[in-house]
Amino acid sequence: MSPNLDRGHLLTEQANPASHELDLLSTTDLVNLFCEEDYRPQQAVAAASSALAQAIDAIAARLQAGGRLFYLGAGTSGRLGVLDAAECPPTFCSAPELVQGVLAGGAPALLRSSEGLEDSFAGGREDLVSRDFTGADALVGIAAGGTTPYVHGALSHALEIGAEAIAMACVPAEQAPMPCSIDIRLLSGPELLTGSTRLKAGTATKMALNILSTGVMVRLGKVFGNRMVDVSVSNAKLEDRALRILGDLAGVGRDEGASLLAASGGSVKLALLMAASDLSVEAARKQLNQSGGNLRLALENSAAQLKGPQ
């Protein structure tokens, strides 16, 4: 879509009748109105559950085969992608390059608006090429209004080279078709502040990205039950969490848990397998590697069982 084309028909650009007197509301009524409208993003994400599940399985398959996941967007959409990507290494102990956020304008655009760059169709492709994006990878192109040329260029490039091309937008597909293999539409409705897609559209996008990244990491075996067994033990808070996970799942005290963590080099997953099986560090690491890093499978292959709730 041309950047000069009238976008007034888009769902994200329409005026919300519930807020036509927003500036006249009392502060309490204004807050209550926002609280009421913010149920819409939840409903929008729920309505897109089938597409989200399809995307999770497609991305996980790419990553299991050695590919990477890229989030790409401009403005708020791009910043949300960068945020989700940045949270993956500390949460799942994933390599920084496994999930990457690509924002039009790069790092400076995180703090200062550079929305004009979103009009460059070639820019999306160029930013992917600069990161050695290949046909083995997966791309989630995020554009609230579904028309951003920067995102369209990136998605078109992904399709051309055989990568997984996933679109995420907050308008119906018939209003703004996007080149993709999987189409995620989060129809959160017109914003209370007309056109300000950092509001409900941004909330829906963040919720969807939470589901995508967590779902993919679950499929990759980085979660056991509902515990982050691949959490990076990089500060006091995360060390405490790791010790609590060892206590809850393996039934060990904090001192023994600390010893297991030290022996495993800070790997909660490895420490859990050692606690359950009495395997040495080397044997437990070998079993875990042979099980593709999946703790549940490694426990089964070792005929071992954790003592705590699972």
C-alpha atoms as a PDB file:
ATOM      1  CA  MET A   1       0.000   0.000   0.000  1.00  0.00           C
ATOM      2  CA  SER A   2       1.321   3.439  -0.899  1.00  0.00           C
ATOM      3  CA  PRO A   3       2.224   5.646   2.074  1.00  0.00           C
ATOM      4  CA  ASN A   4       0.110   8.398   0.496  1.00  0.00           C
ATOM      5  CA  LEU A   5      -3.061   6.312   0.310  1.00  0.00           C
ATOM      6  CA  ASP A   6      -5.939   7.253   2.614  1.00  0.00           C
ATOM      7  CA  ARG A   7      -5.968   4.766   5.501  1.00  0.00           C
ATOM      8  CA  GLY A   8      -9.110   6.099   7.131  1.00  0.00           C
ATOM      9  CA  HIS A   9     -11.026   2.905   6.370  1.00  0.00           C
ATOM     10  CA  LEU A  10      -8.690   0.802   8.528  1.00  0.00           C
ATOM     11  CA  LEU A  11     -10.144  -0.522  11.794  1.00  0.00           C
ATOM     12  CA  THR A  12      -7.220   0.922  13.754  1.00  0.00           C
ATOM     13  CA  GLU A  13      -7.831   4.411  12.322  1.00  0.00           C
ATOM     14  CA  GLN A  14     -11.574   4.616  12.941  1.00  0.00           C
ATOM     15  CA  ALA A  15     -13.041   6.756  15.711  1.00  0.00           C
ATOM     16  CA  ASN A  16     -14.385   4.916  18.743  1.00  0.00           C
ATOM     17  CA  PRO A  17     -17.920   6.131  19.577  1.00  0.00           C
ATOM     18  CA  ALA A  18     -17.393   5.217  23.240  1.00  0.00           C
ATOM     19  CA  SER A  19     -14.802   7.982  23.603  1.00  0.00           C
ATOM     20  CA  HIS A  20     -16.246  10.797  21.484  1.00  0.00           C
ATOM     21  CA  GLU A  21     -16.258  13.012  24.600  1.00  0.00           C
ATOM     22  CA  LEU A  22     -13.017  11.705  26.085  1.00  0.00           C
ATOM     23  CA  ASP A  23     -11.768  15.171  26.993  1.00  0.00           C
ATOM     24  CA  LEU A  24     -14.977  15.907  28.916  1.00  0.00           C
ATOM     25  CA  LEU A  25     -14.928  12.811  31.122  1.00  0.00           C
ATOM     26  CA  SER A  26     -13.993  12.917  34.774  1.00  0.00           C
ATOM     27  CA  THR A  27     -10.692  11.249  35.531  1.00  0.00           C
ATOM     28  CA  THR A  28     -12.488   8.347  37.188  1.00  0.00           C
ATOM     29  CA  ASP A  29     -14.781   7.851  34.209  1.00  0.00           C
ATOM     30  CA  LEU A  30     -11.803   8.061  31.836  1.00  0.00           C
ATOM     31  CA  VAL A  31      -9.952   5.334  33.746  1.00  0.00           C
ATOM     32  CA  ASN A  32     -13.066   3.155  33.904  1.00  0.00           C
ATOM     33  CA  LEU A  33     -13.575   3.523  30.166  1.00  0.00           C
ATOM     34  CA  PHE A  34     -10.013   2.394  29.494  1.00  0.00           C
ATOM     35  CA  CYS A  35     -10.462  -0.573  31.832  1.00  0.00           C
ATOM     36  CA  GLU A  36     -13.638  -1.584  30.009  1.00  0.00           C
ATOM     37  CA  GLU A  37     -12.077  -1.261  26.550  1.00  0.00           C
ATOM     38  CA  ASP A  38      -8.986  -3.199  27.575  1.00  0.00           C
ATOM     39  CA  TYR A  39     -11.011  -6.410  27.610  1.00  0.00           C
ATOM     40  CA  ARG A  40     -11.013  -6.136  23.814  1.00  0.00           C
ATOM     41  CA  PRO A  41      -7.352  -7.116  23.332  1.00  0.00           C
ATOM     42  CA  GLN A  42      -7.947 -10.313  25.321  1.00  0.00           C
ATOM     43  CA  GLN A  43     -10.912 -11.160  23.114  1.00  0.00           C
ATOM     44  CA  ALA A  44      -8.912 -10.340  19.993  1.00  0.00           C
ATOM     45  CA  VAL A  45      -6.075 -12.672  20.976  1.00  0.00           C
ATOM     46  CA  ALA A  46      -8.504 -15.462  21.867  1.00  0.00           C
ATOM     47  CA  ALA A  47     -10.149 -15.136  18.449  1.00  0.00           C
ATOM     48  CA  ALA A  48      -6.726 -15.574  16.808  1.00  0.00           C
ATOM     49  CA  SER A  49      -5.839 -18.720  18.784  1.00  0.00           C
ATOM     50  CA  SER A  50      -5.826 -21.021  15.756  1.00  0.00           C
ATOM     51  CA  ALA A  51      -3.390 -18.829  13.817  1.00  0.00           C
ATOM     52  CA  LEU A  52      -1.203 -18.404  16.907  1.00  0.00           C
ATOM     53  CA  ALA A  53      -1.018 -22.176  17.406  1.00  0.00           C
ATOM     54  CA  GLN A  54      -0.125 -22.653  13.751  1.00  0.00           C
ATOM     55  CA  ALA A  55       2.613 -20.039  14.061  1.00  0.00           C
ATOM     56  CA  ILE A  56       4.071 -21.620  17.207  1.00  0.00           C
ATOM     57  CA  ASP A  57       4.392 -25.024  15.553  1.00  0.00           C
ATOM     58  CA  ALA A  58       5.860 -23.528  12.362  1.00  0.00           C
ATOM     59  CA  ILE A  59       8.424 -21.428  14.248  1.00  0.00           C
ATOM     60  CA  ALA A  60       9.394 -24.292  16.555  1.00  0.00           C
ATOM     61  CA  ALA A  61       9.996 -26.536  13.551  1.00  0.00           C
ATOM     62  CA  ARG A  62      12.318 -23.933  12.043  1.00  0.00           C
ATOM     63  CA  LEU A  63      14.247 -23.469  15.282  1.00  0.00           C
ATOM     64  CA  GLN A  64      14.549 -27.218  15.870  1.00  0.00           C
ATOM     65  CA  ALA A  65      16.135 -27.459  12.428  1.00  0.00           C
ATOM     66  CA  GLY A  66      18.709 -24.787  13.259  1.00  0.00           C
ATOM     67  CA  GLY A  67      16.846 -21.672  12.120  1.00  0.00           C
ATOM     68  CA  ARG A  68      16.153 -18.450  13.988  1.00  0.00           C
ATOM     69  CA  LEU A  69      13.136 -16.272  14.766  1.00  0.00           C
ATOM     70  CA  PHE A  70      13.016 -12.610  13.762  1.00  0.00           C
ATOM     71  CA  TYR A  71      10.430 -10.074  14.880  1.00  0.00           C
ATOM     72  CA  LEU A  72      10.319  -7.035  12.599  1.00  0.00           C
ATOM     73  CA  GLY A  73       8.334  -3.822  12.685  1.00  0.00           C
ATOM     74  CA  ALA A  74       8.391  -0.042  12.890  1.00  0.00           C
ATOM     75  CA  GLY A  75       7.376   2.254  15.749  1.00  0.00           C
ATOM     76  CA  THR A  76       5.423   0.651  18.582  1.00  0.00           C
ATOM     77  CA  SER A  77       5.067  -2.653  16.713  1.00  0.00           C
ATOM     78  CA  GLY A  78       8.813  -2.956  16.244  1.00  0.00           C
ATOM     79  CA  ARG A  79       9.581  -1.935  19.820  1.00  0.00           C
ATOM     80  CA  LEU A  80       7.260  -4.649  21.142  1.00  0.00           C
ATOM     81  CA  GLY A  81       9.088  -7.213  19.016  1.00  0.00           C
ATOM     82  CA  VAL A  82      12.453  -6.064  20.336  1.00  0.00           C
ATOM     83  CA  LEU A  83      11.127  -6.258  23.902  1.00  0.00           C
ATOM     84  CA  ASP A  84       9.924  -9.840  23.510  1.00  0.00           C
ATOM     85  CA  ALA A  85      13.157 -10.911  21.821  1.00  0.00           C
ATOM     86  CA  ALA A  86      15.255  -9.325  24.570  1.00  0.00           C
ATOM     87  CA  GLU A  87      13.371 -11.290  27.246  1.00  0.00           C
ATOM     88  CA  CYS A  88      14.118 -14.704  25.728  1.00  0.00           C
ATOM     89  CA  PRO A  89      17.783 -15.153  26.802  1.00  0.00           C
ATOM     90  CA  PRO A  90      17.202 -14.461  30.534  1.00  0.00           C
ATOM     91  CA  THR A  91      13.928 -16.400  30.622  1.00  0.00           C
ATOM     92  CA  PHE A  92      14.895 -19.431  28.540  1.00  0.00           C
ATOM     93  CA  CYS A  93      18.706 -19.280  28.472  1.00  0.00           C
ATOM     94  CA  SER A  94      18.488 -19.058  24.688  1.00  0.00           C
ATOM     95  CA  ALA A  95      21.350 -17.694  22.606  1.00  0.00           C
ATOM     96  CA  PRO A  96      20.868 -13.970  21.856  1.00  0.00           C
ATOM     97  CA  GLU A  97      20.843 -14.665  18.138  1.00  0.00           C
ATOM     98  CA  LEU A  98      18.058 -17.281  18.355  1.00  0.00           C
ATOM     99  CA  VAL A  99      15.267 -14.703  18.699  1.00  0.00           C
ATOM    100  CA  GLN A 100      16.025 -11.270  17.271  1.00  0.00           C
ATOM    101  CA  GLY A 101      14.070  -8.046  17.180  1.00  0.00           C
ATOM    102  CA  VAL A 102      14.472  -5.843  14.112  1.00  0.00           C
ATOM    103  CA  LEU A 103      13.245  -2.257  14.451  1.00  0.00           C
ATOM    104  CA  ALA A 104      13.141   0.298  11.650  1.00  0.00           C
ATOM    105  CA  GLY A 105      15.810   2.796  12.598  1.00  0.00           C
ATOM    106  CA  GLY A 106      17.699   0.370  14.822  1.00  0.00           C
ATOM    107  CA  ALA A 107      18.611   0.952  18.469  1.00  0.00           C
ATOM    108  CA  PRO A 108      18.150   4.766  18.387  1.00  0.00           C
ATOM    109  CA  ALA A 109      14.484   4.246  17.439  1.00  0.00           C
ATOM    110  CA  LEU A 110      13.868   2.504  20.757  1.00  0.00           C
ATOM    111  CA  LEU A 111      14.096   5.835  22.549  1.00  0.00           C
ATOM    112  CA  ARG A 112      13.309   8.366  19.845  1.00  0.00           C
ATOM    113  CA  SER A 113      10.536   8.125  17.267  1.00  0.00           C
ATOM    114  CA  SER A 114      11.672   7.372  13.730  1.00  0.00           C
ATOM    115  CA  GLU A 115       8.346   6.380  12.250  1.00  0.00           C
ATOM    116  CA  GLY A 116       9.237   7.912   8.872  1.00  0.00           C
ATOM    117  CA  LEU A 117      11.459   4.912   8.187  1.00  0.00           C
ATOM    118  CA  GLU A 118       8.394   2.658   8.080  1.00  0.00           C
ATOM    119  CA  ASP A 119       7.635   3.932   4.557  1.00  0.00           C
ATOM    120  CA  SER A 120      10.688   2.191   3.069  1.00  0.00           C
ATOM    121  CA  PHE A 121       9.680  -1.083   1.383  1.00  0.00           C
ATOM    122  CA  ALA A 122      13.330  -1.811   0.593  1.00  0.00           C
ATOM    123  CA  GLY A 123      14.364  -1.057   4.184  1.00  0.00           C
ATOM    124  CA  GLY A 124      12.709  -4.182   5.598  1.00  0.00           C
ATOM    125  CA  ARG A 125      14.487  -6.438   3.143  1.00  0.00           C
ATOM    126  CA  GLU A 126      17.806  -4.659   3.667  1.00  0.00           C
ATOM    127  CA  ASP A 127      17.619  -4.994   7.445  1.00  0.00           C
ATOM    128  CA  LEU A 128      16.996  -8.746   7.148  1.00  0.00           C
ATOM    129  CA  VAL A 129      19.827  -9.197   4.646  1.00  0.00           C
ATOM    130  CA  SER A 130      22.175  -7.319   6.980  1.00  0.00           C
ATOM    131  CA  ARG A 131      21.431  -9.938   9.647  1.00  0.00           C
ATOM    132  CA  ASP A 132      22.029 -12.859   7.276  1.00  0.00           C
ATOM    133  CA  PHE A 133      18.364 -13.865   7.331  1.00  0.00           C
ATOM    134  CA  THR A 134      17.970 -17.097   5.333  1.00  0.00           C
ATOM    135  CA  GLY A 135      15.311 -19.478   4.088  1.00  0.00           C
ATOM    136  CA  ALA A 136      15.838 -21.587   7.215  1.00  0.00           C
ATOM    137  CA  ASP A 137      14.563 -18.794   9.460  1.00  0.00           C
ATOM    138  CA  ALA A 138      11.131 -17.541  10.537  1.00  0.00           C
ATOM    139  CA  LEU A 139       9.905 -13.949  10.389  1.00  0.00           C
ATOM    140  CA  VAL A 140       7.039 -12.339  12.276  1.00  0.00           C
ATOM    141  CA  GLY A 141       6.278  -9.051  10.545  1.00  0.00           C
ATOM    142  CA  ILE A 142       4.293  -6.807  12.919  1.00  0.00           C
ATOM    143  CA  ALA A 143       2.210  -3.878  11.651  1.00  0.00           C
ATOM    144  CA  ALA A 144      -0.817  -2.747  13.664  1.00  0.00           C
ATOM    145  CA  GLY A 145      -2.527  -1.213  10.652  1.00  0.00           C
ATOM    146  CA  GLY A 146      -1.269  -3.893   8.275  1.00  0.00           C
ATOM    147  CA  THR A 147       0.000  -1.413   5.678  1.00  0.00           C
ATOM    148  CA  THR A 148       3.574  -0.609   6.749  1.00  0.00           C
ATOM    149  CA  PRO A 149       5.805  -0.819   3.624  1.00  0.00           C
ATOM    150  CA  TYR A 150       8.866  -1.658   5.755  1.00  0.00           C
ATOM    151  CA  VAL A 151       7.084  -4.781   7.064  1.00  0.00           C
ATOM    152  CA  HIS A 152       5.614  -5.678   3.659  1.00  0.00           C
ATOM    153  CA  GLY A 153       9.095  -5.548   2.131  1.00  0.00           C
ATOM    154  CA  ALA A 154      10.486  -7.877   4.776  1.00  0.00           C
ATOM    155  CA  LEU A 155       7.615 -10.357   4.494  1.00  0.00           C
ATOM    156  CA  SER A 156       7.888 -10.380   0.687  1.00  0.00           C
ATOM    157  CA  HIS A 157      11.609 -11.116   0.960  1.00  0.00           C
ATOM    158  CA  ALA A 158      10.961 -13.939   3.449  1.00  0.00           C
ATOM    159  CA  LEU A 159       8.486 -15.563   1.085  1.00  0.00           C
ATOM    160  CA  GLU A 160      10.855 -15.200  -1.871  1.00  0.00           C
ATOM    161  CA  ILE A 161      13.679 -17.085  -0.148  1.00  0.00           C
ATOM    162  CA  GLY A 162      11.484 -19.798   1.399  1.00  0.00           C
ATOM    163  CA  ALA A 163      11.529 -18.605   5.003  1.00  0.00           C
ATOM    164  CA  GLU A 164       8.460 -18.810   7.246  1.00  0.00           C
ATOM    165  CA  ALA A 165       6.630 -15.489   6.768  1.00  0.00           C
ATOM    166  CA  ILE A 166       4.137 -14.710   9.547  1.00  0.00           C
ATOM    167  CA  ALA A 167       2.117 -11.498   9.526  1.00  0.00           C
ATOM    168  CA  MET A 168       0.625  -9.900  12.635  1.00  0.00           C
ATOM    169  CA  ALA A 169      -1.821  -6.991  12.334  1.00  0.00           C
ATOM    170  CA  CYS A 170      -4.833  -5.499  14.102  1.00  0.00           C
ATOM    171  CA  VAL A 171      -7.065  -4.977  11.060  1.00  0.00           C
ATOM    172  CA  PRO A 172      -9.060  -7.516   9.012  1.00  0.00           C
ATOM    173  CA  ALA A 173      -7.158  -9.143   6.163  1.00  0.00           C
ATOM    174  CA  GLU A 174      -9.571  -7.719   3.595  1.00  0.00           C
ATOM    175  CA  GLN A 175      -8.697  -4.178   4.714  1.00  0.00           C
ATOM    176  CA  ALA A 176      -4.948  -4.689   4.468  1.00  0.00           C
ATOM    177  CA  PRO A 177      -3.704  -7.926   2.856  1.00  0.00           C
ATOM    178  CA  MET A 178      -0.145  -8.853   3.827  1.00  0.00           C
ATOM    179  CA  PRO A 179       2.263 -11.225   2.035  1.00  0.00           C
ATOM    180  CA  CYS A 180       2.622 -14.194   4.366  1.00  0.00           C
ATOM    181  CA  SER A 181       2.280 -17.920   4.954  1.00  0.00           C
ATOM    182  CA  ILE A 182       0.469 -17.480   8.301  1.00  0.00           C
ATOM    183  CA  ASP A 183      -1.797 -14.496   8.975  1.00  0.00           C
ATOM    184  CA  ILE A 184      -2.454 -13.448  12.589  1.00  0.00           C
ATOM    185  CA  ARG A 185      -5.185 -10.816  12.963  1.00  0.00           C
ATOM    186  CA  LEU A 186      -5.789  -9.256  16.374  1.00  0.00           C
ATOM    187  CA  LEU A 187      -9.021  -7.294  15.950  1.00  0.00           C
ATOM    188  CA  SER A 188      -8.993  -5.139  19.068  1.00  0.00           C
ATOM    189  CA  GLY A 189     -11.160  -2.429  17.495  1.00  0.00           C
ATOM    190  CA  PRO A 190     -10.870   1.369  17.212  1.00  0.00           C
ATOM    191  CA  GLU A 191      -8.708   3.050  19.826  1.00  0.00           C
ATOM    192  CA  LEU A 192     -10.130   5.326  22.520  1.00  0.00           C
ATOM    193  CA  LEU A 193      -7.597   7.887  21.290  1.00  0.00           C
ATOM    194  CA  THR A 194      -8.240   7.627  17.574  1.00  0.00           C
ATOM    195  CA  GLY A 195      -5.346   6.043  15.688  1.00  0.00           C
ATOM    196  CA  SER A 196      -3.100   5.595  18.742  1.00  0.00           C
ATOM    197  CA  THR A 197      -2.227   1.945  18.207  1.00  0.00           C
ATOM    198  CA  ARG A 198       0.125   1.907  21.202  1.00  0.00           C
ATOM    199  CA  LEU A 199      -3.093   1.348  23.188  1.00  0.00           C
ATOM    200  CA  LYS A 200      -5.362  -1.667  22.539  1.00  0.00           C
ATOM    201  CA  ALA A 201      -3.502  -2.781  19.419  1.00  0.00           C
ATOM    202  CA  GLY A 202      -0.222  -2.601  21.322  1.00  0.00           C
ATOM    203  CA  THR A 203      -1.686  -4.555  24.239  1.00  0.00           C
ATOM    204  CA  ALA A 204      -3.048  -7.256  21.934  1.00  0.00           C
ATOM    205  CA  THR A 205       0.287  -7.470  20.118  1.00  0.00           C
ATOM    206  CA  LYS A 206       2.231  -7.842  23.378  1.00  0.00           C
ATOM    207  CA  MET A 207      -0.142 -10.575  24.536  1.00  0.00           C
ATOM    208  CA  ALA A 208       0.227 -12.422  21.230  1.00  0.00           C
ATOM    209  CA  LEU A 209       4.019 -12.179  21.315  1.00  0.00           C
ATOM    210  CA  ASN A 210       4.019 -13.515  24.901  1.00  0.00           C
ATOM    211  CA  ILE A 211       2.102 -16.538  23.670  1.00  0.00           C
ATOM    212  CA  LEU A 212       4.287 -17.033  20.594  1.00  0.00           C
ATOM    213  CA  SER A 213       7.670 -16.939  22.329  1.00  0.00           C
ATOM    214  CA  THR A 214       6.542 -18.949  25.363  1.00  0.00           C
ATOM    215  CA  GLY A 215       4.781 -21.521  23.201  1.00  0.00           C
ATOM    216  CA  VAL A 216       7.822 -21.932  20.978  1.00  0.00           C
ATOM    217  CA  MET A 217      10.130 -22.373  23.967  1.00  0.00           C
ATOM    218  CA  VAL A 218       7.760 -24.957  25.463  1.00  0.00           C
ATOM    219  CA  ARG A 219       7.899 -26.876  22.184  1.00  0.00           C
ATOM    220  CA  LEU A 220      11.714 -26.644  22.266  1.00  0.00           C
ATOM    221  CA  GLY A 221      11.798 -28.343  25.690  1.00  0.00           C
ATOM    222  CA  LYS A 222      12.855 -25.273  27.647  1.00  0.00           C
ATOM    223  CA  VAL A 223       9.964 -25.652  30.092  1.00  0.00           C
ATOM    224  CA  PHE A 224       9.123 -28.527  32.456  1.00  0.00           C
ATOM    225  CA  GLY A 225       5.551 -28.394  33.713  1.00  0.00           C
ATOM    226  CA  ASN A 226       5.161 -24.673  34.246  1.00  0.00           C
ATOM    227  CA  ARG A 227       8.735 -24.059  35.406  1.00  0.00           C
ATOM    228  CA  MET A 228      11.498 -22.176  33.570  1.00  0.00           C
ATOM    229  CA  VAL A 229      14.044 -24.973  33.808  1.00  0.00           C
ATOM    230  CA  ASP A 230      16.313 -23.203  31.320  1.00  0.00           C
ATOM    231  CA  VAL A 231      16.282 -19.934  33.273  1.00  0.00           C
ATOM    232  CA  SER A 232      19.592 -18.077  33.172  1.00  0.00           C
ATOM    233  CA  VAL A 233      21.023 -17.870  36.709  1.00  0.00           C
ATOM    234  CA  SER A 234      22.529 -14.424  36.181  1.00  0.00           C
ATOM    235  CA  ASN A 235      21.560 -12.521  39.347  1.00  0.00           C
ATOM    236  CA  ALA A 236      20.415 -13.046  42.935  1.00  0.00           C
ATOM    237  CA  LYS A 237      16.712 -13.079  42.040  1.00  0.00           C
ATOM    238  CA  LEU A 238      17.177 -15.716  39.345  1.00  0.00           C
ATOM    239  CA  GLU A 239      19.448 -17.793  41.577  1.00  0.00           C
ATOM    240  CA  ASP A 240      16.742 -17.779  44.234  1.00  0.00           C
ATOM    241  CA  ARG A 241      14.192 -18.840  41.599  1.00  0.00           C
ATOM    242  CA  ALA A 242      16.475 -21.641  40.460  1.00  0.00           C
ATOM    243  CA  LEU A 243      16.904 -22.900  44.013  1.00  0.00           C
ATOM    244  CA  ARG A 244      13.144 -22.844  44.545  1.00  0.00           C
ATOM    245  CA  ILE A 245      12.641 -24.810  41.330  1.00  0.00           C
ATOM    246  CA  LEU A 246      15.147 -27.413  42.525  1.00  0.00           C
ATOM    247  CA  GLY A 247      13.408 -27.574  45.881  1.00  0.00           C
ATOM    248  CA  ASP A 248       9.922 -27.849  44.419  1.00  0.00           C
ATOM    249  CA  LEU A 249      10.706 -30.380  41.687  1.00  0.00           C
ATOM    250  CA  ALA A 250      13.606 -32.385  43.101  1.00  0.00           C
ATOM    251  CA  GLY A 251      12.854 -32.078  46.813  1.00  0.00           C
ATOM    252  CA  VAL A 252      16.346 -30.834  47.696  1.00  0.00           C
ATOM    253  CA  GLY A 253      17.238 -28.199  50.282  1.00  0.00           C
ATOM    254  CA  ARG A 254      18.824 -24.899  49.359  1.00  0.00           C
ATOM    255  CA  ASP A 255      22.352 -25.989  50.310  1.00  0.00           C
ATOM    256  CA  GLU A 256      22.138 -29.137  48.206  1.00  0.00           C
ATOM    257  CA  GLY A 257      20.487 -27.145  45.436  1.00  0.00           C
ATOM    258  CA  ALA A 258      23.324 -24.622  45.490  1.00  0.00           C
ATOM    259  CA  SER A 259      25.857 -27.460  45.223  1.00  0.00           C
ATOM    260  CA  LEU A 260      23.999 -28.973  42.297  1.00  0.00           C
ATOM    261  CA  LEU A 261      23.835 -25.590  40.558  1.00  0.00           C
ATOM    262  CA  ALA A 262      27.550 -25.062  41.086  1.00  0.00           C
ATOM    263  CA  ALA A 263      28.353 -28.516  39.720  1.00  0.00           C
ATOM    264  CA  SER A 264      26.121 -28.007  36.692  1.00  0.00           C
ATOM    265  CA  GLY A 265      27.600 -24.632  35.864  1.00  0.00           C
ATOM    266  CA  GLY A 266      24.331 -22.882  36.685  1.00  0.00           C
ATOM    267  CA  SER A 267      22.139 -25.139  34.520  1.00  0.00           C
ATOM    268  CA  VAL A 268      18.860 -25.768  36.346  1.00  0.00           C
ATOM    269  CA  LYS A 269      17.869 -28.440  33.855  1.00  0.00           C
ATOM    270  CA  LEU A 270      21.133 -30.311  34.313  1.00  0.00           C
ATOM    271  CA  ALA A 271      20.947 -29.949  38.103  1.00  0.00           C
ATOM    272  CA  LEU A 272      17.426 -31.400  38.118  1.00  0.00           C
ATOM    273  CA  LEU A 273      18.492 -34.406  36.067  1.00  0.00           C
ATOM    274  CA  MET A 274      21.454 -35.012  38.374  1.00  0.00           C
ATOM    275  CA  ALA A 275      19.228 -34.787  41.459  1.00  0.00           C
ATOM    276  CA  ALA A 276      16.689 -37.227  40.035  1.00  0.00           C
ATOM    277  CA  SER A 277      19.103 -39.783  38.591  1.00  0.00           C
ATOM    278  CA  ASP A 278      22.324 -39.591  40.622  1.00  0.00           C
ATOM    279  CA  LEU A 279      24.174 -39.293  37.291  1.00  0.00           C
ATOM    280  CA  SER A 280      27.511 -37.492  37.213  1.00  0.00           C
ATOM    281  CA  VAL A 281      27.674 -34.073  35.558  1.00  0.00           C
ATOM    282  CA  GLU A 282      29.227 -35.586  32.425  1.00  0.00           C
ATOM    283  CA  ALA A 283      26.729 -38.446  32.211  1.00  0.00           C
ATOM    284  CA  ALA A 284      23.769 -36.158  32.848  1.00  0.00           C
ATOM    285  CA  ARG A 285      24.962 -33.694  30.207  1.00  0.00           C
ATOM    286  CA  LYS A 286      25.390 -36.509  27.695  1.00  0.00           C
ATOM    287  CA  GLN A 287      21.885 -37.834  28.428  1.00  0.00           C
ATOM    288  CA  LEU A 288      20.405 -34.363  28.117  1.00  0.00           C
ATOM    289  CA  ASN A 289      22.159 -33.785  24.792  1.00  0.00           C
ATOM    290  CA  GLN A 290      20.982 -37.159  23.482  1.00  0.00           C
ATOM    291  CA  SER A 291      17.434 -36.164  24.481  1.00  0.00           C
ATOM    292  CA  GLY A 292      17.608 -32.947  22.492  1.00  0.00           C
ATOM    293  CA  GLY A 293      17.748 -30.835  25.638  1.00  0.00           C
ATOM    294  CA  ASN A 294      14.311 -32.062  26.720  1.00  0.00           C
ATOM    295  CA  LEU A 295      14.363 -32.728  30.467  1.00  0.00           C
ATOM    296  CA  ARG A 296      11.214 -34.854  30.487  1.00  0.00           C
ATOM    297  CA  LEU A 297      12.619 -37.102  27.774  1.00  0.00           C
ATOM    298  CA  ALA A 298      16.007 -37.268  29.519  1.00  0.00           C
ATOM    299  CA  LEU A 299      14.312 -38.362  32.741  1.00  0.00           C
ATOM    300  CA  GLU A 300      12.413 -41.082  30.882  1.00  0.00           C
ATOM    301  CA  ASN A 301      15.570 -42.293  29.118  1.00  0.00           C
ATOM    302  CA  SER A 302      17.364 -42.405  32.482  1.00  0.00           C
ATOM    303  CA  ALA A 303      14.477 -44.229  34.195  1.00  0.00           C
ATOM    304  CA  ALA A 304      14.484 -41.388  36.693  1.00  0.00           C
ATOM    305  CA  GLN A 305      11.706 -39.359  38.255  1.00  0.00           C
ATOM    306  CA  LEU A 306      11.627 -36.039  40.048  1.00  0.00           C
ATOM    307  CA  LYS A 307      10.344 -36.170  43.627  1.00  0.00           C
ATOM    308  CA  GLY A 308       8.374 -32.922  43.755  1.00  0.00           C
ATOM    309  CA  PRO A 309       5.142 -31.739  42.098  1.00  0.00           C
ATOM    310  CA  GLN A 310       5.162 -31.906  38.303  1.00  0.00           C
END
